[in-house]
Amino acid sequence: MSDEIVPDNKNWTWVLERLCQDCGFDASSFEAKFSGTALRDLGDRWVAVLQRPDARVRPRGDMWSPLEYGCHVRDVFRKFDERLQLMLREVDPHFENWDQDKTALEDDYPSQAPAEVAAALKEAAESLARHFDAVSSDQWSRRGFRSDGSAFTVESIARYLMHDPVHHLWDVGAEIPTFGS
């Protein structure tokens, strides 16, 4: 077994079409209008994970610790907040590529303080929640495009987003929500 994290190069957009067999999240049954509520709940769940005494411990050398996953989820919330605001501000924007593995290395996730990550994650979840709460009925169909050409609407990017923090709760053995299931 390697002690190196293998970069994730999967295209996870398939979660919009079918149930995740690992974590059980079904994006097709998630109602995007409840994104704000779901994000606040996820923020609370991640704060609890980051309060664990073993938050810094990797269960295996090739798997992130709860702290590293928490850093990633914080950054996912920040990135999707940027993308959501861009979709609401511009017509058919294109998102810059985000290399999450490069971010993890450059920001040295393992060295970050769990309490600080928890506070920042909670703040990022709340900011994103507020922005989703403010989406009007005619804005849910606004589009944006990922660097690989994948097209999203505000509604589909909300459903796509929700899988990530839920799946990573599953990764760290935490209780996962059953939004919409």
N, C-alpha and C. Protein backbone atom coordinates (compact mmCIF):
# COMPACT_ATOMS: atom_id res chain seq x y z
N MET A 1 0.84 -1.18 0.00
CA MET A 1 0.00 0.00 0.00
C MET A 1 0.89 1.24 0.00
N SER A 2 0.51 2.21 -0.82
CA SER A 2 1.26 3.46 -0.95
C SER A 2 0.86 4.43 0.15
N ASP A 3 1.80 5.30 0.50
CA ASP A 3 1.49 6.37 1.45
C ASP A 3 1.28 7.69 0.72
N GLU A 4 0.91 7.59 -0.52
CA GLU A 4 0.69 8.79 -1.33
C GLU A 4 -0.77 8.85 -1.75
N ILE A 5 -1.33 10.06 -1.68
CA ILE A 5 -2.69 10.27 -2.14
C ILE A 5 -2.68 10.30 -3.67
N VAL A 6 -3.48 9.47 -4.28
CA VAL A 6 -3.57 9.44 -5.73
C VAL A 6 -4.56 10.52 -6.17
N PRO A 7 -4.14 11.41 -7.08
CA PRO A 7 -5.06 12.46 -7.54
C PRO A 7 -6.34 11.86 -8.12
N ASP A 8 -7.44 12.53 -7.87
CA ASP A 8 -8.74 12.08 -8.37
C ASP A 8 -9.01 12.75 -9.70
N ASN A 9 -8.97 11.98 -10.75
CA ASN A 9 -9.19 12.53 -12.09
C ASN A 9 -10.55 12.14 -12.67
N LYS A 10 -11.44 11.62 -11.83
CA LYS A 10 -12.75 11.20 -12.30
C LYS A 10 -13.61 12.40 -12.66
N ASN A 11 -14.47 12.21 -13.61
CA ASN A 11 -15.49 13.20 -13.92
C ASN A 11 -16.74 12.80 -13.13
N TRP A 12 -17.00 13.51 -12.06
CA TRP A 12 -18.06 13.16 -11.13
C TRP A 12 -19.45 13.64 -11.56
N THR A 13 -19.58 14.19 -12.77
CA THR A 13 -20.90 14.68 -13.19
C THR A 13 -21.93 13.56 -13.29
N TRP A 14 -21.48 12.31 -13.33
CA TRP A 14 -22.42 11.19 -13.37
C TRP A 14 -23.35 11.19 -12.16
N VAL A 15 -22.95 11.84 -11.05
CA VAL A 15 -23.80 11.85 -9.86
C VAL A 15 -25.12 12.57 -10.11
N LEU A 16 -25.20 13.35 -11.17
CA LEU A 16 -26.46 14.02 -11.50
C LEU A 16 -27.47 13.04 -12.08
N GLU A 17 -26.99 11.90 -12.56
CA GLU A 17 -27.85 10.95 -13.26
C GLU A 17 -28.19 9.69 -12.48
N ARG A 18 -27.37 9.38 -11.48
CA ARG A 18 -27.64 8.13 -10.76
C ARG A 18 -27.12 8.21 -9.32
N LEU A 19 -27.64 7.33 -8.52
CA LEU A 19 -27.28 7.21 -7.12
C LEU A 19 -25.80 6.87 -6.96
N CYS A 20 -25.16 7.49 -5.98
CA CYS A 20 -23.77 7.12 -5.65
C CYS A 20 -23.83 5.84 -4.83
N GLN A 21 -23.24 4.79 -5.34
CA GLN A 21 -23.28 3.50 -4.67
C GLN A 21 -22.48 3.49 -3.37
N ASP A 22 -21.53 4.41 -3.21
CA ASP A 22 -20.75 4.48 -1.99
C ASP A 22 -21.53 5.17 -0.87
N CYS A 23 -21.82 6.44 -1.06
CA CYS A 23 -22.42 7.22 0.02
C CYS A 23 -23.94 7.19 0.03
N GLY A 24 -24.55 6.76 -1.08
CA GLY A 24 -26.00 6.68 -1.15
C GLY A 24 -26.69 7.97 -1.56
N PHE A 25 -25.94 9.02 -1.85
CA PHE A 25 -26.56 10.29 -2.22
C PHE A 25 -27.18 10.18 -3.60
N ASP A 26 -28.41 10.66 -3.71
CA ASP A 26 -29.13 10.65 -4.98
C ASP A 26 -29.43 12.10 -5.37
N ALA A 27 -28.58 12.67 -6.20
CA ALA A 27 -28.72 14.07 -6.60
C ALA A 27 -30.03 14.32 -7.34
N SER A 28 -30.55 13.30 -8.02
CA SER A 28 -31.79 13.49 -8.78
C SER A 28 -32.98 13.72 -7.86
N SER A 29 -32.89 13.31 -6.61
CA SER A 29 -34.01 13.52 -5.69
C SER A 29 -33.81 14.74 -4.79
N PHE A 30 -32.67 15.42 -4.92
CA PHE A 30 -32.41 16.61 -4.11
C PHE A 30 -33.06 17.82 -4.76
N GLU A 31 -33.85 18.54 -3.99
CA GLU A 31 -34.50 19.76 -4.49
C GLU A 31 -33.59 20.96 -4.22
N ALA A 32 -33.10 21.54 -5.30
CA ALA A 32 -32.12 22.62 -5.21
C ALA A 32 -32.60 23.81 -4.37
N LYS A 33 -33.90 24.04 -4.33
CA LYS A 33 -34.42 25.17 -3.56
C LYS A 33 -34.12 25.02 -2.06
N PHE A 34 -33.75 23.82 -1.62
CA PHE A 34 -33.40 23.59 -0.22
C PHE A 34 -31.89 23.61 0.02
N SER A 35 -31.15 24.14 -0.94
CA SER A 35 -29.68 24.15 -0.84
C SER A 35 -29.19 24.89 0.40
N GLY A 36 -29.78 26.03 0.70
CA GLY A 36 -29.34 26.80 1.87
C GLY A 36 -29.46 26.00 3.15
N THR A 37 -30.60 25.38 3.34
CA THR A 37 -30.83 24.55 4.53
C THR A 37 -29.84 23.39 4.58
N ALA A 38 -29.67 22.73 3.44
CA ALA A 38 -28.75 21.59 3.38
C ALA A 38 -27.31 22.01 3.68
N LEU A 39 -26.89 23.14 3.14
CA LEU A 39 -25.52 23.61 3.36
C LEU A 39 -25.28 23.95 4.83
N ARG A 40 -26.25 24.54 5.48
CA ARG A 40 -26.09 24.84 6.91
C ARG A 40 -25.98 23.55 7.72
N ASP A 41 -26.78 22.56 7.37
CA ASP A 41 -26.70 21.26 8.04
C ASP A 41 -25.34 20.61 7.79
N LEU A 42 -24.88 20.66 6.57
CA LEU A 42 -23.58 20.06 6.24
C LEU A 42 -22.45 20.79 6.97
N GLY A 43 -22.55 22.10 7.07
CA GLY A 43 -21.55 22.86 7.82
C GLY A 43 -21.46 22.38 9.25
N ASP A 44 -22.63 22.19 9.89
CA ASP A 44 -22.66 21.70 11.29
C ASP A 44 -22.06 20.31 11.40
N ARG A 45 -22.38 19.44 10.45
CA ARG A 45 -21.85 18.08 10.48
C ARG A 45 -20.33 18.08 10.35
N TRP A 46 -19.81 18.95 9.48
CA TRP A 46 -18.36 19.01 9.30
C TRP A 46 -17.66 19.62 10.50
N VAL A 47 -18.29 20.58 11.15
CA VAL A 47 -17.71 21.12 12.39
C VAL A 47 -17.55 20.00 13.41
N ALA A 48 -18.56 19.15 13.54
CA ALA A 48 -18.49 18.01 14.47
C ALA A 48 -17.34 17.07 14.10
N VAL A 49 -17.18 16.80 12.82
CA VAL A 49 -16.09 15.93 12.36
C VAL A 49 -14.73 16.53 12.74
N LEU A 50 -14.60 17.83 12.55
CA LEU A 50 -13.32 18.48 12.82
C LEU A 50 -13.03 18.63 14.31
N GLN A 51 -14.00 18.36 15.16
CA GLN A 51 -13.79 18.39 16.61
C GLN A 51 -13.34 17.03 17.14
N ARG A 52 -13.29 16.03 16.29
CA ARG A 52 -12.83 14.71 16.72
C ARG A 52 -11.37 14.78 17.17
N PRO A 53 -11.02 14.04 18.22
CA PRO A 53 -9.62 14.03 18.65
C PRO A 53 -8.66 13.47 17.59
N ASP A 54 -9.18 12.63 16.70
CA ASP A 54 -8.33 12.02 15.66
C ASP A 54 -8.48 12.71 14.31
N ALA A 55 -8.90 13.97 14.30
CA ALA A 55 -9.16 14.67 13.04
C ALA A 55 -7.94 14.75 12.13
N ARG A 56 -6.75 14.72 12.71
CA ARG A 56 -5.52 14.82 11.91
C ARG A 56 -5.01 13.46 11.41
N VAL A 57 -5.62 12.38 11.84
CA VAL A 57 -5.11 11.04 11.56
C VAL A 57 -5.68 10.48 10.26
N ARG A 58 -4.76 10.08 9.39
CA ARG A 58 -5.18 9.39 8.17
C ARG A 58 -5.47 7.94 8.51
N PRO A 59 -6.65 7.43 8.11
CA PRO A 59 -6.96 6.02 8.38
C PRO A 59 -6.04 5.07 7.62
N ARG A 60 -5.57 5.54 6.47
CA ARG A 60 -4.60 4.80 5.65
C ARG A 60 -3.68 5.85 5.04
N GLY A 61 -2.50 5.45 4.69
CA GLY A 61 -1.55 6.39 4.12
C GLY A 61 -1.99 7.00 2.80
N ASP A 62 -2.87 6.28 2.09
CA ASP A 62 -3.31 6.76 0.78
C ASP A 62 -4.70 7.41 0.83
N MET A 63 -5.14 7.77 2.05
CA MET A 63 -6.47 8.39 2.21
C MET A 63 -6.35 9.61 3.11
N TRP A 64 -7.05 10.66 2.76
CA TRP A 64 -7.02 11.88 3.56
C TRP A 64 -7.56 11.67 4.96
N SER A 65 -7.10 12.49 5.87
CA SER A 65 -7.63 12.54 7.23
C SER A 65 -8.92 13.35 7.22
N PRO A 66 -9.73 13.27 8.30
CA PRO A 66 -10.91 14.13 8.39
C PRO A 66 -10.55 15.61 8.24
N LEU A 67 -9.40 16.02 8.78
CA LEU A 67 -8.96 17.41 8.64
C LEU A 67 -8.75 17.76 7.17
N GLU A 68 -8.07 16.91 6.44
CA GLU A 68 -7.81 17.19 5.03
C GLU A 68 -9.11 17.23 4.23
N TYR A 69 -10.02 16.30 4.52
CA TYR A 69 -11.33 16.35 3.85
C TYR A 69 -12.07 17.63 4.24
N GLY A 70 -11.97 18.04 5.50
CA GLY A 70 -12.61 19.27 5.94
C GLY A 70 -12.07 20.49 5.21
N CYS A 71 -10.74 20.53 5.02
CA CYS A 71 -10.13 21.62 4.24
C CYS A 71 -10.68 21.62 2.82
N HIS A 72 -10.77 20.43 2.24
CA HIS A 72 -11.29 20.30 0.88
C HIS A 72 -12.73 20.78 0.80
N VAL A 73 -13.58 20.35 1.74
CA VAL A 73 -14.98 20.76 1.73
C VAL A 73 -15.10 22.27 1.88
N ARG A 74 -14.31 22.85 2.78
CA ARG A 74 -14.28 24.32 2.93
C ARG A 74 -13.98 24.97 1.58
N ASP A 75 -12.98 24.46 0.89
CA ASP A 75 -12.59 25.03 -0.39
C ASP A 75 -13.61 24.78 -1.49
N VAL A 76 -14.29 23.64 -1.43
CA VAL A 76 -15.38 23.37 -2.37
C VAL A 76 -16.48 24.40 -2.16
N PHE A 77 -16.85 24.65 -0.91
CA PHE A 77 -17.89 25.65 -0.64
C PHE A 77 -17.47 27.02 -1.19
N ARG A 78 -16.24 27.40 -0.99
CA ARG A 78 -15.75 28.69 -1.49
C ARG A 78 -15.78 28.72 -3.02
N LYS A 79 -15.31 27.66 -3.65
CA LYS A 79 -15.25 27.61 -5.11
C LYS A 79 -16.66 27.65 -5.71
N PHE A 80 -17.59 26.91 -5.12
CA PHE A 80 -18.94 26.90 -5.66
C PHE A 80 -19.67 28.21 -5.37
N ASP A 81 -19.30 28.88 -4.31
CA ASP A 81 -19.86 30.21 -4.04
C ASP A 81 -19.42 31.17 -5.15
N GLU A 82 -18.14 31.13 -5.52
CA GLU A 82 -17.64 31.95 -6.63
C GLU A 82 -18.39 31.63 -7.92
N ARG A 83 -18.54 30.34 -8.18
CA ARG A 83 -19.19 29.92 -9.43
C ARG A 83 -20.67 30.31 -9.46
N LEU A 84 -21.35 30.13 -8.35
CA LEU A 84 -22.75 30.51 -8.29
C LEU A 84 -22.90 32.01 -8.55
N GLN A 85 -22.11 32.82 -7.87
CA GLN A 85 -22.20 34.26 -8.07
C GLN A 85 -21.89 34.65 -9.51
N LEU A 86 -20.93 33.98 -10.12
CA LEU A 86 -20.59 34.24 -11.52
C LEU A 86 -21.78 33.90 -12.43
N MET A 87 -22.43 32.78 -12.16
CA MET A 87 -23.59 32.37 -12.97
C MET A 87 -24.74 33.37 -12.83
N LEU A 88 -24.87 33.96 -11.66
CA LEU A 88 -25.97 34.91 -11.44
C LEU A 88 -25.64 36.30 -12.00
N ARG A 89 -24.37 36.59 -12.15
CA ARG A 89 -23.91 37.91 -12.60
C ARG A 89 -23.71 37.99 -14.11
N GLU A 90 -23.22 36.89 -14.71
CA GLU A 90 -22.85 36.89 -16.12
C GLU A 90 -23.71 35.91 -16.91
N VAL A 91 -23.72 36.11 -18.22
CA VAL A 91 -24.44 35.20 -19.11
C VAL A 91 -23.47 34.11 -19.57
N ASP A 92 -23.82 32.86 -19.32
CA ASP A 92 -23.05 31.70 -19.76
C ASP A 92 -21.56 31.78 -19.44
N PRO A 93 -21.19 32.04 -18.19
CA PRO A 93 -19.77 32.14 -17.86
C PRO A 93 -19.06 30.78 -17.97
N HIS A 94 -17.75 30.85 -18.13
CA HIS A 94 -16.90 29.66 -18.13
C HIS A 94 -16.06 29.70 -16.85
N PHE A 95 -16.04 28.59 -16.14
CA PHE A 95 -15.31 28.51 -14.88
C PHE A 95 -13.86 28.14 -15.15
N GLU A 96 -12.97 28.79 -14.44
CA GLU A 96 -11.56 28.40 -14.52
C GLU A 96 -11.41 27.00 -13.93
N ASN A 97 -10.46 26.24 -14.46
CA ASN A 97 -10.17 24.93 -13.91
C ASN A 97 -9.67 25.07 -12.48
N TRP A 98 -10.10 24.17 -11.62
CA TRP A 98 -9.62 24.14 -10.24
C TRP A 98 -9.00 22.79 -9.99
N ASP A 99 -7.72 22.78 -9.70
CA ASP A 99 -7.01 21.55 -9.39
C ASP A 99 -7.03 21.36 -7.88
N GLN A 100 -7.97 20.56 -7.41
CA GLN A 100 -8.15 20.38 -5.97
C GLN A 100 -6.95 19.71 -5.31
N ASP A 101 -6.28 18.84 -6.03
CA ASP A 101 -5.11 18.16 -5.46
C ASP A 101 -3.94 19.14 -5.31
N LYS A 102 -3.77 20.02 -6.29
CA LYS A 102 -2.74 21.04 -6.21
C LYS A 102 -3.03 21.98 -5.04
N THR A 103 -4.27 22.35 -4.86
CA THR A 103 -4.67 23.21 -3.74
C THR A 103 -4.33 22.55 -2.41
N ALA A 104 -4.62 21.26 -2.29
CA ALA A 104 -4.34 20.53 -1.05
C ALA A 104 -2.85 20.55 -0.72
N LEU A 105 -2.03 20.40 -1.72
CA LEU A 105 -0.58 20.43 -1.50
C LEU A 105 -0.08 21.84 -1.20
N GLU A 106 -0.49 22.80 -2.02
CA GLU A 106 -0.01 24.18 -1.85
C GLU A 106 -0.45 24.77 -0.51
N ASP A 107 -1.67 24.43 -0.08
CA ASP A 107 -2.19 24.97 1.18
C ASP A 107 -1.85 24.10 2.38
N ASP A 108 -1.12 23.01 2.13
CA ASP A 108 -0.65 22.13 3.19
C ASP A 108 -1.77 21.76 4.17
N TYR A 109 -2.79 21.13 3.62
CA TYR A 109 -3.96 20.76 4.43
C TYR A 109 -3.61 20.09 5.76
N PRO A 110 -2.66 19.14 5.79
CA PRO A 110 -2.41 18.45 7.07
C PRO A 110 -1.90 19.36 8.19
N SER A 111 -1.32 20.49 7.84
CA SER A 111 -0.75 21.36 8.87
C SER A 111 -1.76 22.38 9.41
N GLN A 112 -2.94 22.44 8.84
CA GLN A 112 -3.91 23.44 9.27
C GLN A 112 -4.54 23.03 10.61
N ALA A 113 -5.02 24.02 11.33
CA ALA A 113 -5.61 23.79 12.65
C ALA A 113 -7.08 23.42 12.50
N PRO A 114 -7.49 22.27 13.04
CA PRO A 114 -8.88 21.84 12.89
C PRO A 114 -9.91 22.88 13.33
N ALA A 115 -9.67 23.58 14.42
CA ALA A 115 -10.65 24.58 14.89
C ALA A 115 -10.77 25.73 13.90
N GLU A 116 -9.64 26.14 13.33
CA GLU A 116 -9.68 27.22 12.34
C GLU A 116 -10.36 26.77 11.05
N VAL A 117 -10.10 25.55 10.65
CA VAL A 117 -10.75 25.00 9.46
C VAL A 117 -12.26 24.89 9.70
N ALA A 118 -12.65 24.44 10.89
CA ALA A 118 -14.07 24.32 11.22
C ALA A 118 -14.76 25.68 11.12
N ALA A 119 -14.15 26.71 11.67
CA ALA A 119 -14.75 28.06 11.63
C ALA A 119 -14.85 28.56 10.19
N ALA A 120 -13.80 28.36 9.41
CA ALA A 120 -13.80 28.81 8.02
C ALA A 120 -14.78 28.02 7.17
N LEU A 121 -14.88 26.72 7.43
CA LEU A 121 -15.83 25.88 6.71
C LEU A 121 -17.26 26.32 7.02
N LYS A 122 -17.55 26.57 8.27
CA LYS A 122 -18.88 27.01 8.69
C LYS A 122 -19.21 28.35 8.01
N GLU A 123 -18.26 29.25 7.99
CA GLU A 123 -18.45 30.55 7.35
C GLU A 123 -18.68 30.39 5.84
N ALA A 124 -17.91 29.52 5.19
CA ALA A 124 -18.07 29.28 3.76
C ALA A 124 -19.42 28.64 3.45
N ALA A 125 -19.85 27.71 4.30
CA ALA A 125 -21.16 27.07 4.12
C ALA A 125 -22.27 28.10 4.25
N GLU A 126 -22.16 28.99 5.23
CA GLU A 126 -23.19 30.01 5.44
C GLU A 126 -23.23 31.00 4.29
N SER A 127 -22.09 31.42 3.80
CA SER A 127 -22.05 32.35 2.67
C SER A 127 -22.72 31.72 1.45
N LEU A 128 -22.35 30.50 1.14
CA LEU A 128 -22.94 29.80 -0.01
C LEU A 128 -24.43 29.59 0.21
N ALA A 129 -24.82 29.24 1.42
CA ALA A 129 -26.24 29.05 1.75
C ALA A 129 -27.03 30.34 1.50
N ARG A 130 -26.50 31.46 1.97
CA ARG A 130 -27.18 32.75 1.76
C ARG A 130 -27.35 33.06 0.27
N HIS A 131 -26.31 32.75 -0.51
CA HIS A 131 -26.40 33.02 -1.94
C HIS A 131 -27.42 32.11 -2.62
N PHE A 132 -27.50 30.86 -2.21
CA PHE A 132 -28.54 29.98 -2.76
C PHE A 132 -29.93 30.41 -2.29
N ASP A 133 -30.03 30.86 -1.05
CA ASP A 133 -31.33 31.34 -0.54
C ASP A 133 -31.85 32.51 -1.37
N ALA A 134 -30.95 33.30 -1.94
CA ALA A 134 -31.33 34.51 -2.68
C ALA A 134 -31.63 34.25 -4.16
N VAL A 135 -31.45 33.01 -4.62
CA VAL A 135 -31.72 32.70 -6.02
C VAL A 135 -33.22 32.82 -6.27
N SER A 136 -33.58 33.61 -7.26
CA SER A 136 -35.00 33.77 -7.61
C SER A 136 -35.43 32.67 -8.57
N SER A 137 -36.73 32.48 -8.70
CA SER A 137 -37.24 31.37 -9.50
C SER A 137 -36.74 31.41 -10.95
N ASP A 138 -36.55 32.58 -11.52
CA ASP A 138 -36.09 32.65 -12.90
C ASP A 138 -34.58 32.47 -13.04
N GLN A 139 -33.85 32.43 -11.93
CA GLN A 139 -32.40 32.28 -12.00
C GLN A 139 -31.94 30.83 -11.94
N TRP A 140 -32.78 29.91 -11.54
CA TRP A 140 -32.37 28.51 -11.42
C TRP A 140 -31.94 27.91 -12.75
N SER A 141 -32.37 28.48 -13.85
CA SER A 141 -32.03 27.93 -15.17
C SER A 141 -30.82 28.63 -15.81
N ARG A 142 -30.24 29.60 -15.14
CA ARG A 142 -29.04 30.26 -15.68
C ARG A 142 -27.92 29.24 -15.80
N ARG A 143 -27.07 29.41 -16.83
CA ARG A 143 -26.06 28.41 -17.12
C ARG A 143 -24.64 28.89 -16.82
N GLY A 144 -23.76 27.89 -16.67
CA GLY A 144 -22.33 28.11 -16.55
C GLY A 144 -21.63 26.88 -17.08
N PHE A 145 -20.36 27.04 -17.49
CA PHE A 145 -19.64 25.95 -18.12
C PHE A 145 -18.31 25.70 -17.44
N ARG A 146 -18.06 24.45 -17.11
CA ARG A 146 -16.79 24.05 -16.54
C ARG A 146 -15.73 24.03 -17.65
N SER A 147 -14.47 24.06 -17.27
CA SER A 147 -13.38 24.12 -18.25
C SER A 147 -13.36 22.91 -19.19
N ASP A 148 -13.94 21.77 -18.75
CA ASP A 148 -13.98 20.58 -19.61
C ASP A 148 -15.20 20.58 -20.53
N GLY A 149 -15.99 21.68 -20.48
CA GLY A 149 -17.16 21.80 -21.35
C GLY A 149 -18.46 21.37 -20.70
N SER A 150 -18.41 20.76 -19.51
CA SER A 150 -19.64 20.35 -18.83
C SER A 150 -20.50 21.59 -18.55
N ALA A 151 -21.77 21.51 -18.95
CA ALA A 151 -22.70 22.62 -18.75
C ALA A 151 -23.54 22.37 -17.50
N PHE A 152 -23.74 23.41 -16.73
CA PHE A 152 -24.56 23.35 -15.53
C PHE A 152 -25.57 24.49 -15.56
N THR A 153 -26.68 24.26 -14.91
CA THR A 153 -27.58 25.36 -14.56
C THR A 153 -27.37 25.62 -13.07
N VAL A 154 -27.91 26.71 -12.57
CA VAL A 154 -27.82 26.95 -11.13
C VAL A 154 -28.44 25.77 -10.38
N GLU A 155 -29.55 25.27 -10.91
CA GLU A 155 -30.22 24.12 -10.27
C GLU A 155 -29.34 22.87 -10.29
N SER A 156 -28.74 22.55 -11.43
CA SER A 156 -27.95 21.32 -11.50
C SER A 156 -26.62 21.46 -10.76
N ILE A 157 -26.06 22.66 -10.70
CA ILE A 157 -24.80 22.81 -9.96
C ILE A 157 -25.06 22.67 -8.46
N ALA A 158 -26.25 23.06 -8.01
CA ALA A 158 -26.61 22.86 -6.60
C ALA A 158 -26.68 21.37 -6.28
N ARG A 159 -27.34 20.61 -7.16
CA ARG A 159 -27.46 19.16 -6.93
C ARG A 159 -26.09 18.48 -7.02
N TYR A 160 -25.27 18.91 -7.98
CA TYR A 160 -23.92 18.36 -8.15
C TYR A 160 -23.06 18.66 -6.92
N LEU A 161 -23.11 19.89 -6.46
CA LEU A 161 -22.35 20.32 -5.28
C LEU A 161 -22.65 19.47 -4.06
N MET A 162 -23.91 19.19 -3.80
CA MET A 162 -24.30 18.52 -2.56
C MET A 162 -23.65 17.15 -2.40
N HIS A 163 -23.36 16.49 -3.50
CA HIS A 163 -22.75 15.17 -3.39
C HIS A 163 -21.39 15.23 -2.71
N ASP A 164 -20.59 16.24 -3.00
CA ASP A 164 -19.21 16.28 -2.50
C ASP A 164 -19.12 16.26 -0.98
N PRO A 165 -19.74 17.20 -0.25
CA PRO A 165 -19.62 17.16 1.21
C PRO A 165 -20.29 15.94 1.84
N VAL A 166 -21.36 15.45 1.21
CA VAL A 166 -22.02 14.24 1.72
C VAL A 166 -21.10 13.04 1.53
N HIS A 167 -20.53 12.91 0.35
CA HIS A 167 -19.65 11.78 0.06
C HIS A 167 -18.45 11.77 1.01
N HIS A 168 -17.91 12.94 1.28
CA HIS A 168 -16.74 12.99 2.16
C HIS A 168 -17.11 12.75 3.62
N LEU A 169 -18.34 13.04 4.01
CA LEU A 169 -18.79 12.59 5.35
C LEU A 169 -18.75 11.07 5.40
N TRP A 170 -19.19 10.44 4.33
CA TRP A 170 -19.13 8.98 4.23
C TRP A 170 -17.68 8.51 4.30
N ASP A 171 -16.78 9.21 3.59
CA ASP A 171 -15.36 8.85 3.60
C ASP A 171 -14.79 8.82 5.01
N VAL A 172 -15.23 9.75 5.87
CA VAL A 172 -14.67 9.84 7.23
C VAL A 172 -15.52 9.08 8.25
N GLY A 173 -16.51 8.33 7.78
CA GLY A 173 -17.31 7.51 8.68
C GLY A 173 -18.30 8.29 9.53
N ALA A 174 -18.67 9.48 9.09
CA ALA A 174 -19.65 10.29 9.83
C ALA A 174 -21.06 9.98 9.35
N GLU A 175 -22.03 10.33 10.17
CA GLU A 175 -23.43 10.16 9.77
C GLU A 175 -23.72 11.11 8.63
N ILE A 176 -24.35 10.57 7.59
CA ILE A 176 -24.65 11.41 6.44
C ILE A 176 -26.14 11.71 6.38
N PRO A 177 -26.47 12.90 5.87
CA PRO A 177 -27.88 13.27 5.77
C PRO A 177 -28.55 12.51 4.62
N THR A 178 -29.84 12.51 4.64
CA THR A 178 -30.61 11.86 3.57
C THR A 178 -31.50 12.91 2.90
N PHE A 179 -30.90 13.98 2.43
CA PHE A 179 -31.65 15.04 1.76
C PHE A 179 -32.40 14.48 0.58
N GLY A 180 -33.70 14.62 0.61
CA GLY A 180 -34.51 14.25 -0.54
C GLY A 180 -34.68 12.77 -0.76
N SER A 181 -34.11 11.91 0.09
CA SER A 181 -34.26 10.48 -0.16
C SER A 181 -35.33 9.92 0.73
